[in-house]
Amino acid sequence: MRVLSLGAGVQSTTVLLMAEFGEIAPFDAAIFADTQWEPAATYRHLDWLMETVQTPIHRVTHGSLRADAWNAEASAWMPLYIRNLDGT
């Protein structure tokens, strides 16, 4: 089984379209791991891809990455690096 990890950016879109037009071997499926924190343009592009290609695209999520990042009770913390006012 060939499965594409689809980020819906330039590279993965190109690979998916190459498979769609027979330039590379086809995929059995593509998976978009939805963080629920993507720009609106990404979701519009994903909708377009889902309507355009024959490859089934599975949109999966485990909730909002943004909400989890700010949730003090979350079981796992995302590493967020910041610069302090003094430049450190």
N, C-alpha and C. Protein backbone atom coordinates (compact mmCIF):
# COMPACT_ATOMS: atom_id res chain seq x y z
N MET A 1 0.84 -1.18 0.00
CA MET A 1 0.00 0.00 0.00
C MET A 1 0.89 1.24 0.00
N ARG A 2 0.56 2.18 -0.88
CA ARG A 2 1.30 3.46 -0.95
C ARG A 2 0.40 4.56 -0.40
N VAL A 3 0.90 5.22 0.66
CA VAL A 3 0.14 6.29 1.31
C VAL A 3 1.01 7.54 1.34
N LEU A 4 0.44 8.66 0.94
CA LEU A 4 1.14 9.94 0.95
C LEU A 4 0.77 10.73 2.19
N SER A 5 1.78 11.22 2.90
CA SER A 5 1.55 12.16 3.99
C SER A 5 1.37 13.53 3.35
N LEU A 6 0.15 14.02 3.35
CA LEU A 6 -0.20 15.23 2.63
C LEU A 6 -0.25 16.42 3.59
N GLY A 7 0.69 17.34 3.42
CA GLY A 7 0.68 18.55 4.22
C GLY A 7 -0.09 19.67 3.53
N ALA A 8 -0.46 19.47 2.28
CA ALA A 8 -1.19 20.43 1.46
C ALA A 8 -0.35 21.64 1.10
N GLY A 9 0.96 21.51 1.18
CA GLY A 9 1.87 22.55 0.74
C GLY A 9 2.34 22.26 -0.68
N VAL A 10 3.33 22.99 -1.11
CA VAL A 10 3.82 22.87 -2.48
C VAL A 10 4.34 21.47 -2.79
N GLN A 11 5.19 20.94 -1.91
CA GLN A 11 5.84 19.66 -2.22
C GLN A 11 4.85 18.50 -2.26
N SER A 12 4.04 18.35 -1.21
CA SER A 12 3.14 17.19 -1.20
C SER A 12 2.03 17.33 -2.24
N THR A 13 1.60 18.56 -2.52
CA THR A 13 0.61 18.76 -3.58
C THR A 13 1.20 18.35 -4.93
N THR A 14 2.43 18.75 -5.18
CA THR A 14 3.09 18.38 -6.44
C THR A 14 3.20 16.88 -6.59
N VAL A 15 3.60 16.20 -5.54
CA VAL A 15 3.73 14.73 -5.59
C VAL A 15 2.37 14.09 -5.85
N LEU A 16 1.33 14.58 -5.18
CA LEU A 16 0.00 14.02 -5.39
C LEU A 16 -0.47 14.25 -6.83
N LEU A 17 -0.25 15.44 -7.36
CA LEU A 17 -0.67 15.72 -8.73
C LEU A 17 0.17 14.94 -9.75
N MET A 18 1.45 14.73 -9.46
CA MET A 18 2.26 13.90 -10.34
C MET A 18 1.70 12.49 -10.42
N ALA A 19 1.27 11.96 -9.28
CA ALA A 19 0.66 10.62 -9.26
C ALA A 19 -0.67 10.64 -10.02
N GLU A 20 -1.42 11.70 -9.84
CA GLU A 20 -2.72 11.82 -10.51
C GLU A 20 -2.57 11.82 -12.03
N PHE A 21 -1.50 12.45 -12.53
CA PHE A 21 -1.29 12.54 -13.98
C PHE A 21 -0.38 11.43 -14.51
N GLY A 22 -0.07 10.42 -13.68
CA GLY A 22 0.68 9.26 -14.15
C GLY A 22 2.17 9.45 -14.29
N GLU A 23 2.71 10.53 -13.74
CA GLU A 23 4.15 10.77 -13.83
C GLU A 23 4.94 9.94 -12.82
N ILE A 24 4.28 9.53 -11.76
CA ILE A 24 4.86 8.60 -10.77
C ILE A 24 3.78 7.60 -10.42
N ALA A 25 4.16 6.56 -9.71
CA ALA A 25 3.19 5.52 -9.32
C ALA A 25 2.08 6.12 -8.46
N PRO A 26 0.85 5.66 -8.65
CA PRO A 26 -0.27 6.21 -7.89
C PRO A 26 -0.22 5.84 -6.41
N PHE A 27 -0.94 6.60 -5.63
CA PHE A 27 -1.08 6.33 -4.21
C PHE A 27 -2.43 5.68 -3.95
N ASP A 28 -2.46 4.82 -2.95
CA ASP A 28 -3.73 4.22 -2.54
C ASP A 28 -4.56 5.20 -1.72
N ALA A 29 -3.87 6.10 -1.04
CA ALA A 29 -4.54 7.09 -0.21
C ALA A 29 -3.55 8.19 0.16
N ALA A 30 -4.10 9.30 0.63
CA ALA A 30 -3.30 10.39 1.19
C ALA A 30 -3.91 10.73 2.54
N ILE A 31 -3.07 11.12 3.48
CA ILE A 31 -3.55 11.48 4.81
C ILE A 31 -3.11 12.91 5.13
N PHE A 32 -4.08 13.74 5.50
CA PHE A 32 -3.81 15.10 5.95
C PHE A 32 -4.05 15.13 7.45
N ALA A 33 -2.98 15.33 8.22
CA ALA A 33 -3.09 15.41 9.68
C ALA A 33 -3.45 16.84 10.06
N ASP A 34 -4.71 17.05 10.38
CA ASP A 34 -5.25 18.39 10.61
C ASP A 34 -4.99 18.84 12.05
N THR A 35 -4.15 19.86 12.19
CA THR A 35 -3.85 20.43 13.51
C THR A 35 -4.94 21.39 13.96
N GLN A 36 -5.86 21.72 13.05
CA GLN A 36 -6.91 22.72 13.26
C GLN A 36 -6.32 24.10 13.54
N TRP A 37 -5.11 24.33 13.04
CA TRP A 37 -4.42 25.60 13.25
C TRP A 37 -3.75 26.05 11.96
N GLU A 38 -4.32 25.64 10.84
CA GLU A 38 -3.78 26.00 9.53
C GLU A 38 -4.44 27.28 9.03
N PRO A 39 -3.77 28.02 8.16
CA PRO A 39 -4.41 29.19 7.55
C PRO A 39 -5.62 28.77 6.72
N ALA A 40 -6.58 29.67 6.57
CA ALA A 40 -7.79 29.37 5.80
C ALA A 40 -7.46 28.95 4.37
N ALA A 41 -6.41 29.53 3.80
CA ALA A 41 -6.02 29.17 2.43
C ALA A 41 -5.62 27.70 2.33
N THR A 42 -5.02 27.16 3.36
CA THR A 42 -4.64 25.74 3.36
C THR A 42 -5.88 24.86 3.29
N TYR A 43 -6.90 25.20 4.07
CA TYR A 43 -8.13 24.41 4.05
C TYR A 43 -8.88 24.55 2.72
N ARG A 44 -8.85 25.73 2.12
CA ARG A 44 -9.46 25.88 0.79
C ARG A 44 -8.72 25.03 -0.24
N HIS A 45 -7.40 25.04 -0.16
CA HIS A 45 -6.59 24.25 -1.09
C HIS A 45 -6.86 22.76 -0.88
N LEU A 46 -6.95 22.33 0.36
CA LEU A 46 -7.23 20.93 0.65
C LEU A 46 -8.59 20.53 0.08
N ASP A 47 -9.60 21.38 0.25
CA ASP A 47 -10.92 21.10 -0.32
C ASP A 47 -10.83 20.96 -1.83
N TRP A 48 -10.06 21.84 -2.47
CA TRP A 48 -9.88 21.76 -3.93
C TRP A 48 -9.23 20.44 -4.32
N LEU A 49 -8.18 20.06 -3.59
CA LEU A 49 -7.51 18.79 -3.89
C LEU A 49 -8.47 17.62 -3.76
N MET A 50 -9.27 17.62 -2.70
CA MET A 50 -10.20 16.51 -2.47
C MET A 50 -11.23 16.39 -3.60
N GLU A 51 -11.58 17.52 -4.22
CA GLU A 51 -12.53 17.51 -5.34
C GLU A 51 -11.85 17.18 -6.66
N THR A 52 -10.53 17.37 -6.75
CA THR A 52 -9.81 17.29 -8.01
C THR A 52 -9.20 15.92 -8.29
N VAL A 53 -8.63 15.29 -7.28
CA VAL A 53 -7.90 14.05 -7.51
C VAL A 53 -8.76 12.82 -7.22
N GLN A 54 -8.36 11.71 -7.82
CA GLN A 54 -9.05 10.44 -7.60
C GLN A 54 -8.58 9.74 -6.33
N THR A 55 -7.37 10.05 -5.90
CA THR A 55 -6.81 9.44 -4.69
C THR A 55 -7.64 9.84 -3.48
N PRO A 56 -8.11 8.88 -2.69
CA PRO A 56 -8.85 9.24 -1.48
C PRO A 56 -7.95 10.00 -0.50
N ILE A 57 -8.43 11.14 -0.03
CA ILE A 57 -7.69 11.93 0.96
C ILE A 57 -8.44 11.84 2.27
N HIS A 58 -7.74 11.36 3.29
CA HIS A 58 -8.32 11.22 4.62
C HIS A 58 -7.83 12.36 5.49
N ARG A 59 -8.77 13.13 5.99
CA ARG A 59 -8.46 14.27 6.86
C ARG A 59 -8.68 13.79 8.30
N VAL A 60 -7.59 13.70 9.05
CA VAL A 60 -7.68 13.18 10.41
C VAL A 60 -7.21 14.24 11.41
N THR A 61 -7.74 14.17 12.62
CA THR A 61 -7.34 15.12 13.65
C THR A 61 -7.49 14.47 15.02
N HIS A 62 -6.76 15.02 15.95
CA HIS A 62 -6.89 14.61 17.35
C HIS A 62 -7.18 15.84 18.20
N GLY A 63 -7.76 16.85 17.56
CA GLY A 63 -8.09 18.07 18.27
C GLY A 63 -7.24 19.23 17.81
N SER A 64 -7.40 20.33 18.50
CA SER A 64 -6.75 21.58 18.14
C SER A 64 -5.37 21.70 18.77
N LEU A 65 -4.35 21.79 17.93
CA LEU A 65 -2.99 21.98 18.43
C LEU A 65 -2.88 23.29 19.19
N ARG A 66 -3.54 24.32 18.69
CA ARG A 66 -3.49 25.63 19.35
C ARG A 66 -4.12 25.57 20.74
N ALA A 67 -5.29 24.96 20.84
CA ALA A 67 -5.95 24.85 22.14
C ALA A 67 -5.09 24.04 23.11
N ASP A 68 -4.48 22.96 22.62
CA ASP A 68 -3.63 22.14 23.47
C ASP A 68 -2.39 22.91 23.91
N ALA A 69 -1.86 23.77 23.04
CA ALA A 69 -0.65 24.52 23.37
C ALA A 69 -0.88 25.48 24.53
N TRP A 70 -2.11 25.97 24.66
CA TRP A 70 -2.41 26.94 25.72
C TRP A 70 -3.13 26.30 26.91
N ASN A 71 -3.36 25.01 26.86
CA ASN A 71 -4.07 24.31 27.93
C ASN A 71 -3.08 23.85 28.98
N ALA A 72 -3.16 24.41 30.16
CA ALA A 72 -2.24 24.06 31.25
C ALA A 72 -2.43 22.63 31.73
N GLU A 73 -3.58 22.04 31.43
CA GLU A 73 -3.86 20.67 31.87
C GLU A 73 -3.53 19.63 30.81
N ALA A 74 -3.01 20.06 29.68
CA ALA A 74 -2.67 19.12 28.60
C ALA A 74 -1.58 18.16 29.06
N SER A 75 -1.66 16.94 28.58
CA SER A 75 -0.69 15.93 29.02
C SER A 75 0.67 16.09 28.35
N ALA A 76 0.71 16.77 27.23
CA ALA A 76 1.98 16.99 26.53
C ALA A 76 2.07 18.44 26.11
N TRP A 77 3.22 19.01 26.31
CA TRP A 77 3.41 20.41 25.95
C TRP A 77 4.21 20.51 24.66
N MET A 78 3.79 21.40 23.80
CA MET A 78 4.52 21.67 22.58
C MET A 78 5.68 22.61 22.94
N PRO A 79 6.89 22.34 22.45
CA PRO A 79 8.00 23.26 22.77
C PRO A 79 7.82 24.58 22.03
N LEU A 80 7.64 25.64 22.77
CA LEU A 80 7.50 26.97 22.20
C LEU A 80 8.72 27.78 22.63
N TYR A 81 9.45 28.29 21.67
CA TYR A 81 10.65 29.06 21.95
C TYR A 81 10.34 30.53 21.75
N ILE A 82 10.70 31.33 22.71
CA ILE A 82 10.43 32.77 22.64
C ILE A 82 11.71 33.55 22.85
N ARG A 83 11.68 34.78 22.42
CA ARG A 83 12.79 35.69 22.66
C ARG A 83 12.31 36.71 23.69
N ASN A 84 13.06 36.87 24.74
CA ASN A 84 12.73 37.84 25.77
C ASN A 84 13.04 39.24 25.28
N LEU A 85 12.49 40.21 25.97
CA LEU A 85 12.71 41.61 25.58
C LEU A 85 14.18 42.00 25.56
N ASP A 86 14.99 41.32 26.40
CA ASP A 86 16.43 41.64 26.41
C ASP A 86 17.21 40.89 25.34
N GLY A 87 16.50 40.14 24.47
CA GLY A 87 17.16 39.45 23.36
C GLY A 87 17.58 38.04 23.65
N THR A 88 17.48 37.60 24.90
CA THR A 88 17.88 36.22 25.23
C THR A 88 16.84 35.24 24.76
